[in-house]
Amino acid sequence: MRRFLRENSLSLVMFGAFFLILGGQIVVGLAESNQDRQEHGQEAQPLGEYLGSGHFIEAVFENWESEFLQIGAFVLLTVKLRQKGSPESKKLEGDEAVDAEPNPRRKGAPWPVRKGGLVLKVYEHSLTITLFGLFLLSFWLHALGGATEYSEQQLAHGEEPVTALAYVGTNRFWFESLQNWQSEFLSIGVLVVLSVFLREKGSPESKPVDHPIWETGSA
């Protein structure tokens, strides 16, 4: 168990923080939603009903959507684009180990590498395929949750509800999306640039402390 915890401590802490913060969001979100419902003369929602509500689903997935878009785009862009001096970039000239053609005879090579063909092609790009797939799923769930929440407000004002597809065409949907997208790309851009000049000893996101500023890469 100790070995497992040590070998997986980073992901365990990240997912632990995720569930803890998500729990906090649920608690305060339920309270905020029920306060709003009471102000409009509606009954308070129990927890189970709230978790299936547009208020909760929209709030969660509009954020997940931007996260998966940002990290997927960053992984894909770093294949071809460079940033002089940043450890987030490959070196400016020449190929690196990640550019090499997969060797099916390499000891311990994964099954898709040994299989080759279409299986290998998918495996070669499986990270970005999965990240953009999660982005599209989150995008659609954001639209579903948002449409539910928006329709409830429409009905409260004597107007017609909307479908998820119609909601995607509203200014409100794109305001929700774009306000998150811009912040995600800003944060990655800031990391790429600041890591040129600043250091964090021991972190793989930083170059070694004694490496010169304009040396690209972390190795």
Protein backbone atom coordinates (compact mmCIF):
# COMPACT_ATOMS: atom_id res chain seq x y z
CA MET A 1 0.00 0.00 0.00
CA ARG A 2 2.81 2.41 0.85
CA ARG A 3 4.40 1.77 -2.54
CA PHE A 4 1.08 2.28 -4.32
CA LEU A 5 0.52 5.59 -2.54
CA ARG A 6 4.02 6.81 -3.37
CA GLU A 7 3.77 5.80 -7.04
CA ASN A 8 0.35 7.40 -7.47
CA SER A 9 0.49 10.26 -4.97
CA LEU A 10 0.13 13.03 -7.57
CA SER A 11 -3.05 11.69 -9.16
CA LEU A 12 -4.49 10.66 -5.78
CA VAL A 13 -4.04 14.17 -4.37
CA MET A 14 -5.45 15.79 -7.52
CA PHE A 15 -8.54 13.57 -7.60
CA GLY A 16 -8.93 13.89 -3.83
CA ALA A 17 -8.93 17.69 -4.16
CA PHE A 18 -11.39 17.40 -7.06
CA PHE A 19 -13.93 15.37 -5.08
CA LEU A 20 -13.53 17.56 -2.00
CA ILE A 21 -14.10 20.76 -3.96
CA LEU A 22 -16.93 19.23 -5.98
CA GLY A 23 -18.59 18.29 -2.70
CA GLY A 24 -18.27 21.89 -1.56
CA GLN A 25 -19.78 23.08 -4.83
CA ILE A 26 -22.74 20.74 -4.35
CA VAL A 27 -23.38 22.00 -0.80
CA VAL A 28 -23.28 25.70 -1.63
CA GLY A 29 -24.95 25.19 -5.02
CA LEU A 30 -27.90 23.40 -3.42
CA ALA A 31 -28.23 26.16 -0.83
CA GLU A 32 -28.05 28.90 -3.48
CA SER A 33 -30.53 27.14 -5.75
CA ASN A 34 -33.04 26.53 -2.95
CA GLN A 35 -32.77 30.13 -1.79
CA ASP A 36 -33.61 31.27 -5.30
CA ARG A 37 -36.51 28.80 -5.52
CA GLN A 38 -37.94 29.99 -2.21
CA GLU A 39 -37.76 33.60 -3.36
CA HIS A 40 -39.91 32.57 -6.34
CA GLY A 41 -42.42 30.66 -4.17
CA GLN A 42 -41.14 27.18 -5.13
CA GLU A 43 -40.39 24.22 -2.91
CA ALA A 44 -36.81 23.45 -1.95
CA GLN A 45 -35.11 20.60 -3.83
CA PRO A 46 -33.68 17.56 -2.06
CA LEU A 47 -30.05 16.69 -2.81
CA GLY A 48 -30.82 13.86 -5.24
CA GLU A 49 -33.12 16.05 -7.32
CA TYR A 50 -30.60 18.88 -7.32
CA LEU A 51 -27.85 16.65 -8.74
CA GLY A 52 -30.03 16.06 -11.80
CA SER A 53 -31.03 19.70 -12.16
CA GLY A 54 -29.97 22.10 -14.87
CA HIS A 55 -28.46 24.40 -12.24
CA PHE A 56 -25.92 21.77 -11.16
CA ILE A 57 -25.25 20.10 -14.53
CA GLU A 58 -24.70 23.39 -16.33
CA ALA A 59 -22.34 24.73 -13.66
CA VAL A 60 -20.19 21.59 -13.64
CA PHE A 61 -19.91 20.88 -17.34
CA GLU A 62 -19.38 24.42 -18.59
CA ASN A 63 -16.16 24.32 -16.57
CA TRP A 64 -15.15 20.79 -17.55
CA GLU A 65 -15.69 21.76 -21.17
CA SER A 66 -13.13 24.56 -21.02
CA GLU A 67 -10.59 22.43 -19.14
CA PHE A 68 -10.63 19.59 -21.66
CA LEU A 69 -10.54 22.02 -24.60
CA GLN A 70 -7.55 23.86 -23.14
CA ILE A 71 -5.44 20.82 -22.29
CA GLY A 72 -6.35 19.00 -25.51
CA ALA A 73 -5.41 22.02 -27.60
CA PHE A 74 -2.18 22.48 -25.67
CA VAL A 75 -1.11 18.85 -26.16
CA LEU A 76 -1.85 19.11 -29.89
CA LEU A 77 -0.20 22.51 -30.40
CA THR A 78 3.03 21.44 -28.70
CA VAL A 79 3.55 18.86 -31.46
CA LYS A 80 4.46 21.60 -33.95
CA LEU A 81 4.76 24.91 -32.10
CA ARG A 82 7.71 26.07 -29.99
CA GLN A 83 8.43 28.62 -27.27
CA LYS A 84 12.06 29.58 -26.88
CA GLY A 85 13.22 29.09 -23.31
CA SER A 86 10.13 27.30 -22.01
CA PRO A 87 10.25 23.80 -20.49
CA GLU A 88 6.73 23.34 -21.88
CA SER A 89 8.20 23.33 -25.40
CA LYS A 90 10.27 20.85 -27.35
CA LYS A 91 13.70 22.03 -28.45
CA LEU A 92 13.71 24.53 -31.30
CA GLU A 93 15.63 22.38 -33.79
CA GLY A 94 15.73 18.66 -34.51
CA ASP A 95 13.62 15.73 -33.37
CA GLU A 96 13.05 14.35 -29.90
CA ALA A 97 12.23 10.89 -28.57
CA VAL A 98 8.50 11.58 -28.83
CA ASP A 99 8.90 12.25 -32.58
CA ALA A 100 10.42 8.84 -33.35
CA GLU A 101 8.45 6.25 -35.28
CA PRO A 102 7.18 3.55 -32.89
CA ASN A 103 9.28 0.37 -32.92
CA PRO A 104 7.15 -2.80 -32.67
CA ARG A 105 10.27 -4.81 -31.73
CA ARG A 106 11.04 -2.65 -28.72
CA LYS A 107 10.95 -4.66 -25.50
CA GLY A 108 7.67 -4.07 -23.70
CA ALA A 109 6.11 -2.22 -26.64
CA PRO A 110 2.32 -1.81 -26.10
CA TRP A 111 -0.01 -4.09 -28.03
CA PRO A 112 -1.21 -1.37 -30.45
CA VAL A 113 2.41 -0.71 -31.48
CA ARG A 114 2.95 -4.41 -32.19
CA LYS A 115 -0.40 -4.64 -34.00
CA GLY A 116 0.23 -1.69 -36.33
CA GLY A 117 -2.17 -0.34 -38.97
CA LEU A 118 -5.28 1.58 -37.95
CA VAL A 119 -4.95 0.43 -34.34
CA LEU A 120 -1.53 2.05 -34.14
CA LYS A 121 -2.75 5.26 -35.81
CA VAL A 122 -5.48 5.63 -33.21
CA TYR A 123 -3.07 4.81 -30.39
CA GLU A 124 -0.58 7.41 -31.66
CA HIS A 125 -3.19 10.12 -31.17
CA SER A 126 -5.21 8.54 -28.36
CA LEU A 127 -4.44 11.30 -25.86
CA THR A 128 -5.85 14.15 -27.95
CA ILE A 129 -8.71 11.97 -29.24
CA THR A 130 -9.76 11.26 -25.64
CA LEU A 131 -9.33 14.84 -24.45
CA PHE A 132 -11.35 16.30 -27.33
CA GLY A 133 -13.92 13.54 -26.87
CA LEU A 134 -14.31 14.58 -23.23
CA PHE A 135 -14.56 18.20 -24.40
CA LEU A 136 -17.41 17.36 -26.79
CA LEU A 137 -19.21 15.31 -24.14
CA SER A 138 -18.88 18.15 -21.62
CA PHE A 139 -19.97 20.67 -24.27
CA TRP A 140 -23.16 18.71 -24.90
CA LEU A 141 -23.92 18.17 -21.20
CA HIS A 142 -23.37 21.90 -20.65
CA ALA A 143 -25.95 22.51 -23.38
CA LEU A 144 -28.42 20.03 -21.85
CA GLY A 145 -28.07 21.40 -18.34
CA GLY A 146 -28.16 24.99 -19.55
CA ALA A 147 -31.27 24.36 -21.64
CA THR A 148 -33.05 22.87 -18.62
CA GLU A 149 -32.12 25.80 -16.40
CA TYR A 150 -32.92 28.37 -19.09
CA SER A 151 -36.28 26.72 -19.86
CA GLU A 152 -37.30 26.87 -16.20
CA GLN A 153 -36.63 30.60 -16.24
CA GLN A 154 -38.53 30.97 -19.50
CA LEU A 155 -41.56 29.14 -18.10
CA ALA A 156 -41.46 31.26 -14.93
CA HIS A 157 -41.82 34.33 -17.17
CA GLY A 158 -44.60 32.81 -19.27
CA GLU A 159 -42.36 32.07 -22.26
CA GLU A 160 -41.57 28.91 -24.23
CA PRO A 161 -38.88 26.41 -23.13
CA VAL A 162 -35.92 25.67 -25.42
CA THR A 163 -34.17 22.54 -26.61
CA ALA A 164 -30.47 21.92 -26.03
CA LEU A 165 -29.78 22.63 -29.69
CA ALA A 166 -31.66 25.91 -29.54
CA TYR A 167 -29.84 26.84 -26.35
CA VAL A 168 -26.48 26.42 -28.11
CA GLY A 169 -27.61 29.21 -30.43
CA THR A 170 -28.20 31.69 -27.60
CA ASN A 171 -25.85 34.46 -26.51
CA ARG A 172 -26.08 33.15 -22.95
CA PHE A 173 -24.59 29.76 -23.87
CA TRP A 174 -21.63 31.28 -25.69
CA PHE A 175 -21.07 33.85 -22.95
CA GLU A 176 -20.84 30.99 -20.45
CA SER A 177 -18.45 29.06 -22.69
CA LEU A 178 -16.20 31.87 -23.89
CA GLN A 179 -15.69 33.38 -20.43
CA ASN A 180 -14.20 30.03 -19.38
CA TRP A 181 -12.27 29.34 -22.58
CA GLN A 182 -10.42 32.65 -22.52
CA SER A 183 -9.29 32.13 -18.92
CA GLU A 184 -7.98 28.64 -19.65
CA PHE A 185 -5.87 29.74 -22.62
CA LEU A 186 -4.62 32.70 -20.61
CA SER A 187 -3.47 30.42 -17.78
CA ILE A 188 -1.55 28.13 -20.14
CA GLY A 189 0.01 31.07 -21.95
CA VAL A 190 1.11 32.57 -18.63
CA LEU A 191 2.66 29.24 -17.56
CA VAL A 192 4.54 28.89 -20.85
CA VAL A 193 6.01 32.41 -20.62
CA LEU A 194 6.70 32.56 -16.87
CA SER A 195 8.46 29.20 -16.96
CA VAL A 196 11.05 30.79 -19.27
CA PHE A 197 12.23 33.11 -16.48
CA LEU A 198 11.05 31.54 -13.22
CA ARG A 199 11.87 28.21 -11.55
CA GLU A 200 10.37 25.73 -9.12
CA LYS A 201 13.08 23.43 -7.84
CA GLY A 202 12.08 19.77 -8.18
CA SER A 203 9.10 20.31 -10.50
CA PRO A 204 9.06 18.76 -14.01
CA GLU A 205 7.14 21.87 -15.09
CA SER A 206 10.32 23.89 -14.50
CA LYS A 207 13.81 23.83 -15.93
CA PRO A 208 16.68 23.07 -13.53
CA VAL A 209 17.47 26.16 -11.48
CA ASP A 210 20.97 26.59 -12.95
CA HIS A 211 19.91 26.32 -16.62
CA PRO A 212 20.07 29.51 -18.70
CA ILE A 213 16.88 31.42 -19.39
CA TRP A 214 16.73 30.88 -23.14
CA GLU A 215 17.41 27.14 -23.02
CA THR A 216 14.28 25.41 -24.25
CA GLY A 217 13.03 22.26 -22.53
CA SER A 218 13.37 20.85 -19.03
CA ALA A 219 16.13 18.29 -19.66
